[in-house]
Protein backbone atom coordinates (compact mmCIF):
# COMPACT_ATOMS: atom_id res chain seq x y z
CA UNK A 1 -129.95 -5.71 -22.82
CA UNK A 2 -130.51 -6.11 -18.46
CA UNK A 3 -129.79 -3.19 -16.61
CA UNK A 4 -127.24 -5.33 -14.57
CA UNK A 5 -124.95 -5.90 -17.22
CA UNK A 6 -125.35 -1.84 -18.10
CA UNK A 7 -124.25 -0.78 -15.03
CA UNK A 8 -121.28 -3.74 -15.44
CA UNK A 9 -120.12 -2.72 -18.39
CA UNK A 10 -120.47 1.08 -17.32
CA UNK A 11 -118.66 1.34 -14.35
CA UNK A 12 -115.99 -1.05 -16.22
CA UNK A 13 -115.44 1.15 -18.58
CA UNK A 14 -114.92 4.32 -16.52
CA UNK A 15 -112.49 2.59 -13.75
CA UNK A 16 -110.40 1.54 -16.72
CA UNK A 17 -110.57 5.02 -18.76
CA UNK A 18 -109.71 6.38 -15.49
CA UNK A 19 -107.18 4.23 -14.33
CA UNK A 20 -105.64 4.10 -17.86
CA UNK A 21 -105.34 7.78 -18.44
CA UNK A 22 -103.71 7.76 -15.12
CA UNK A 23 -100.90 4.99 -15.95
CA UNK A 24 -100.35 7.12 -19.31
CA UNK A 25 -99.71 10.05 -17.10
CA UNK A 26 -97.16 8.12 -15.05
CA UNK A 27 -95.61 6.48 -17.79
CA UNK A 28 -94.81 9.62 -19.21
CA UNK A 29 -92.55 10.86 -16.27
CA UNK A 30 -90.96 7.44 -17.08
CA UNK A 31 -90.10 8.21 -20.47
CA UNK A 32 -88.11 11.30 -19.21
CA UNK A 33 -86.17 9.64 -16.58
CA UNK A 34 -83.84 7.44 -18.36
CA UNK A 35 -82.52 11.04 -20.34
CA UNK A 36 -80.52 12.23 -17.13
CA UNK A 37 -80.45 8.96 -14.72
CA UNK A 38 -76.52 8.68 -15.73
CA UNK A 39 -75.92 12.08 -15.03
CA UNK A 40 -77.24 11.88 -11.05
CA UNK A 41 -75.27 11.57 -8.01
CA UNK A 42 -76.17 8.72 -5.34
CA UNK A 43 -77.94 10.81 -3.29
CA UNK A 44 -80.20 11.69 -5.90
CA UNK A 45 -80.88 8.18 -7.45
CA UNK A 46 -82.16 7.64 -3.62
CA UNK A 47 -84.47 10.52 -3.91
CA UNK A 48 -85.88 9.46 -7.44
CA UNK A 49 -86.21 5.65 -6.31
CA UNK A 50 -88.17 7.12 -3.19
CA UNK A 51 -90.43 9.39 -5.50
CA UNK A 52 -91.00 6.28 -8.15
CA UNK A 53 -91.93 3.89 -4.65
CA UNK A 54 -94.70 6.71 -4.23
CA UNK A 55 -96.04 6.62 -7.39
CA UNK A 56 -96.03 3.09 -7.32
CA UNK A 57 -98.39 3.57 -4.36
CA UNK A 58 -100.45 6.10 -5.12
CA UNK A 59 -101.07 3.71 -8.97
CA UNK A 60 -102.13 0.97 -6.39
CA UNK A 61 -104.66 3.12 -4.63
CA UNK A 62 -105.83 4.61 -7.92
CA UNK A 63 -106.94 0.97 -8.18
CA UNK A 64 -108.09 -0.11 -5.29
CA UNK A 65 -110.40 3.38 -6.03
CA UNK A 66 -111.82 2.29 -9.02
CA UNK A 67 -112.95 -1.19 -7.37
CA UNK A 68 -114.76 0.14 -4.73
CA UNK A 69 -116.64 2.52 -7.69
CA UNK A 70 -117.01 -0.88 -10.09
CA UNK A 71 -118.90 -2.58 -6.79
CA UNK A 72 -120.81 0.62 -5.77
CA UNK A 73 -122.10 0.63 -9.06
CA UNK A 74 -123.01 -2.90 -9.59
CA UNK A 75 -125.16 -3.05 -6.32
CA UNK A 76 -126.73 0.23 -6.99
CA UNK A 77 -130.51 0.30 -7.36
CA UNK A 78 -130.65 3.76 -10.05
CA UNK A 79 -131.98 3.52 -13.36
CA UNK A 80 -130.36 3.60 -16.94
CA UNK A 81 -130.44 7.16 -16.63
CA UNK A 82 -129.18 7.93 -13.37
CA UNK A 83 -125.71 5.75 -14.27
CA UNK A 84 -125.38 7.87 -17.83
CA UNK A 85 -125.83 10.83 -14.92
CA UNK A 86 -123.27 9.56 -12.62
CA UNK A 87 -120.79 8.97 -15.80
CA UNK A 88 -121.21 11.97 -17.78
CA UNK A 89 -119.95 13.95 -13.84
CA UNK A 90 -117.03 11.55 -13.77
CA UNK A 91 -116.61 11.86 -17.68
CA UNK A 92 -116.37 16.04 -17.22
CA UNK A 93 -113.91 15.78 -13.87
CA UNK A 94 -112.20 13.58 -17.01
CA UNK A 95 -112.24 15.88 -19.93
CA UNK A 96 -110.52 18.59 -16.98
CA UNK A 97 -108.01 17.02 -15.66
CA UNK A 98 -106.91 15.67 -19.02
CA UNK A 99 -107.10 18.70 -20.56
CA UNK A 100 -110.20 18.64 -23.62
CA UNK A 101 -112.13 21.47 -21.57
CA UNK A 102 -111.07 25.52 -20.78
CA UNK A 103 -111.09 25.66 -17.13
CA UNK A 104 -111.12 28.55 -14.70
CA UNK A 105 -109.86 28.52 -10.83
CA UNK A 106 -107.65 29.78 -8.12
CA UNK A 107 -104.07 28.95 -8.56
CA UNK A 108 -100.50 29.80 -8.95
CA UNK A 109 -98.28 31.28 -11.86
CA UNK A 110 -94.73 30.03 -11.47
CA UNK A 111 -91.87 32.18 -14.06
CA UNK A 112 -88.72 31.17 -15.04
CA UNK A 113 -86.05 32.81 -16.75
CA UNK A 114 -83.51 30.28 -17.49
CA UNK A 115 -80.72 32.81 -19.86
CA UNK A 116 -78.66 29.95 -20.45
CA UNK A 117 -80.63 27.48 -21.53
CA UNK A 118 -79.72 25.52 -18.54
CA UNK A 119 -83.27 23.93 -17.85
CA UNK A 120 -83.71 20.31 -19.69
CA UNK A 121 -87.06 18.67 -20.88
CA UNK A 122 -86.86 16.80 -17.75
CA UNK A 123 -86.65 19.53 -15.12
CA UNK A 124 -90.10 21.00 -16.80
CA UNK A 125 -91.56 17.06 -16.39
CA UNK A 126 -90.44 17.35 -13.08
CA UNK A 127 -92.08 20.50 -12.37
CA UNK A 128 -95.42 18.87 -13.47
CA UNK A 129 -95.14 16.19 -12.19
CA UNK A 130 -94.95 17.76 -8.48
CA UNK A 131 -97.97 20.62 -9.55
CA UNK A 132 -99.56 17.46 -10.28
CA UNK A 133 -99.26 15.70 -6.95
CA UNK A 134 -100.02 18.54 -4.90
CA UNK A 135 -103.45 18.31 -6.65
CA UNK A 136 -103.17 20.73 -9.13
CA UNK A 137 -106.19 19.21 -11.50
CA UNK A 138 -105.58 21.97 -14.86
CA UNK A 139 -101.62 23.11 -15.88
CA UNK A 140 -100.31 25.16 -18.56
CA UNK A 141 -96.96 25.37 -20.12
CA UNK A 142 -96.37 29.37 -22.19
CA UNK A 143 -99.94 29.02 -22.50
CA UNK A 144 -100.11 25.26 -23.98
CA UNK A 145 -102.26 23.23 -22.11
CA UNK A 146 -100.67 20.01 -20.19
CA UNK A 147 -102.99 17.45 -21.35
CA UNK A 148 -102.22 13.12 -21.01
CA UNK A 149 -100.21 13.03 -24.24
CA UNK A 150 -98.12 15.60 -23.51
CA UNK A 151 -94.51 15.60 -23.86
CA UNK A 152 -91.26 17.52 -23.54
CA UNK A 153 -87.90 16.91 -25.30
CA UNK A 154 -84.72 19.19 -26.13
CA UNK A 155 -83.37 20.17 -29.28
CA UNK A 156 -80.57 22.23 -30.44
CA UNK A 157 -80.54 23.57 -26.84
CA UNK A 158 -84.03 24.67 -27.11
CA UNK A 159 -87.01 22.57 -24.78
CA UNK A 160 -90.32 22.08 -26.91
CA UNK A 161 -93.80 20.61 -25.51
CA UNK A 162 -95.04 18.49 -28.36
CA UNK A 163 -94.18 20.55 -31.05
CA UNK A 164 -93.70 23.98 -29.89
CA UNK A 165 -91.03 25.43 -29.11
CA UNK A 166 -90.66 26.89 -26.06
CA UNK A 167 -89.22 30.34 -24.82
CA UNK A 168 -87.14 30.52 -21.98
CA UNK A 169 -89.18 32.65 -20.26
CA UNK A 170 -91.33 29.84 -19.15
CA UNK A 171 -94.57 30.44 -17.89
CA UNK A 172 -96.08 27.64 -15.84
CA UNK A 173 -99.93 28.36 -14.24
CA UNK A 174 -101.86 25.95 -12.09
CA UNK A 175 -105.17 25.30 -10.75
CA UNK A 176 -105.53 24.33 -7.25
CA UNK A 177 -105.55 24.84 -3.93
CA UNK A 178 -103.53 28.36 -4.10
CA UNK A 179 -101.66 28.50 -0.56
CA UNK A 180 -100.54 24.22 -0.54
CA UNK A 181 -99.34 25.02 -4.21
CA UNK A 182 -97.39 28.15 -3.41
CA UNK A 183 -96.26 26.81 -0.08
CA UNK A 184 -95.09 23.85 -1.37
CA UNK A 185 -93.05 25.24 -4.46
CA UNK A 186 -91.30 28.09 -2.37
CA UNK A 187 -90.59 26.20 0.69
CA UNK A 188 -87.09 25.91 1.40
CA UNK A 189 -85.13 23.31 -0.45
CA UNK A 190 -88.29 22.92 -2.72
CA UNK A 191 -88.69 23.52 -6.41
CA UNK A 192 -88.04 27.15 -6.71
CA UNK A 193 -84.49 27.05 -4.03
CA UNK A 194 -83.10 23.82 -6.68
CA UNK A 195 -84.27 26.22 -10.10
CA UNK A 196 -82.36 28.88 -8.35
CA UNK A 197 -79.41 26.68 -8.06
CA UNK A 198 -78.83 26.74 -11.51
CA UNK A 199 -76.28 29.34 -13.27
CA UNK A 200 -78.95 32.24 -14.52
CA UNK A 201 -82.31 31.01 -13.63
CA UNK A 202 -84.37 32.94 -11.53
CA UNK A 203 -87.77 32.23 -10.33
CA UNK A 204 -90.65 34.39 -9.24
CA UNK A 205 -93.92 32.32 -7.63
CA UNK A 206 -97.16 34.42 -7.38
CA UNK A 207 -100.75 33.45 -5.95
CA UNK A 208 -103.65 34.20 -8.30
CA UNK A 209 -107.26 34.25 -7.64
CA UNK A 210 -108.54 33.15 -10.90
CA UNK A 211 -106.28 31.33 -13.47
CA UNK A 212 -107.98 30.67 -17.15
CA UNK A 213 -106.94 27.76 -19.60
CA UNK A 214 -107.79 27.33 -22.88
CA UNK A 215 -108.08 23.40 -23.65
CA UNK A 216 -105.63 21.47 -25.47
CA UNK A 217 -105.45 22.03 -28.90
CA UNK A 218 -104.07 18.34 -29.65
CA UNK A 219 -107.15 16.50 -27.78
CA UNK A 220 -110.55 14.94 -29.71
CA UNK A 221 -113.61 15.99 -27.89
CA UNK A 222 -115.19 12.85 -26.76
CA UNK A 223 -119.34 12.40 -25.84
CA UNK A 224 -120.32 9.55 -23.27
CA UNK A 225 -123.45 7.72 -25.21
CA UNK A 226 -125.68 5.14 -24.44
CA UNK A 227 -123.59 3.08 -28.09
CA UNK A 228 -120.74 3.24 -26.87
CA UNK A 229 -121.66 2.09 -23.38
CA UNK A 230 -123.75 -0.85 -24.42
CA UNK A 231 -121.97 -1.68 -27.77
């Protein structure tokens, strides 16, 4: 196969995969949204619409970014090995983001004690999406790594993450820009203040110099090879 065709297939495959994972993450949040729309006030609905508009703009920017990368690969004069090396680097970053690789770095710890069990899966998903929007690239809840397939749901007064029942003493760890994460979560009328308005809910947020997160137990490892690029 000619080098030009290899470049095109590889770049297109990476672009579609990266964008696909991003879309899946966005769709997960939409699935949880319908649970509570009817209970929202008009003001809350306006805020939700603004949030969705921002997410749509973000997806469009992602599409543009992937198109630029595709053109860059097509115009490159690199050898096949150089292309594969670049792809391996992209895949490595992607594996961290989707939860396939263990990772460590600076971040924050959010501890939430929900005495009366008022929090829902939708509430936890909103916190996760907020952390993602702030640039957190690895997150875990009660030591369970969040991956692109993760979903929260509620049954009999308890919140589940995938198949795991979560304790009401929630521990949310996030790796990213520590100062930004901490300041935004604790800012007036931010997530911390909103959660504290719920009866029996206590919230503590702390900076952590080193957060260690294990990989998700639900994902199958995927390896980039010349065969699955050219097939």
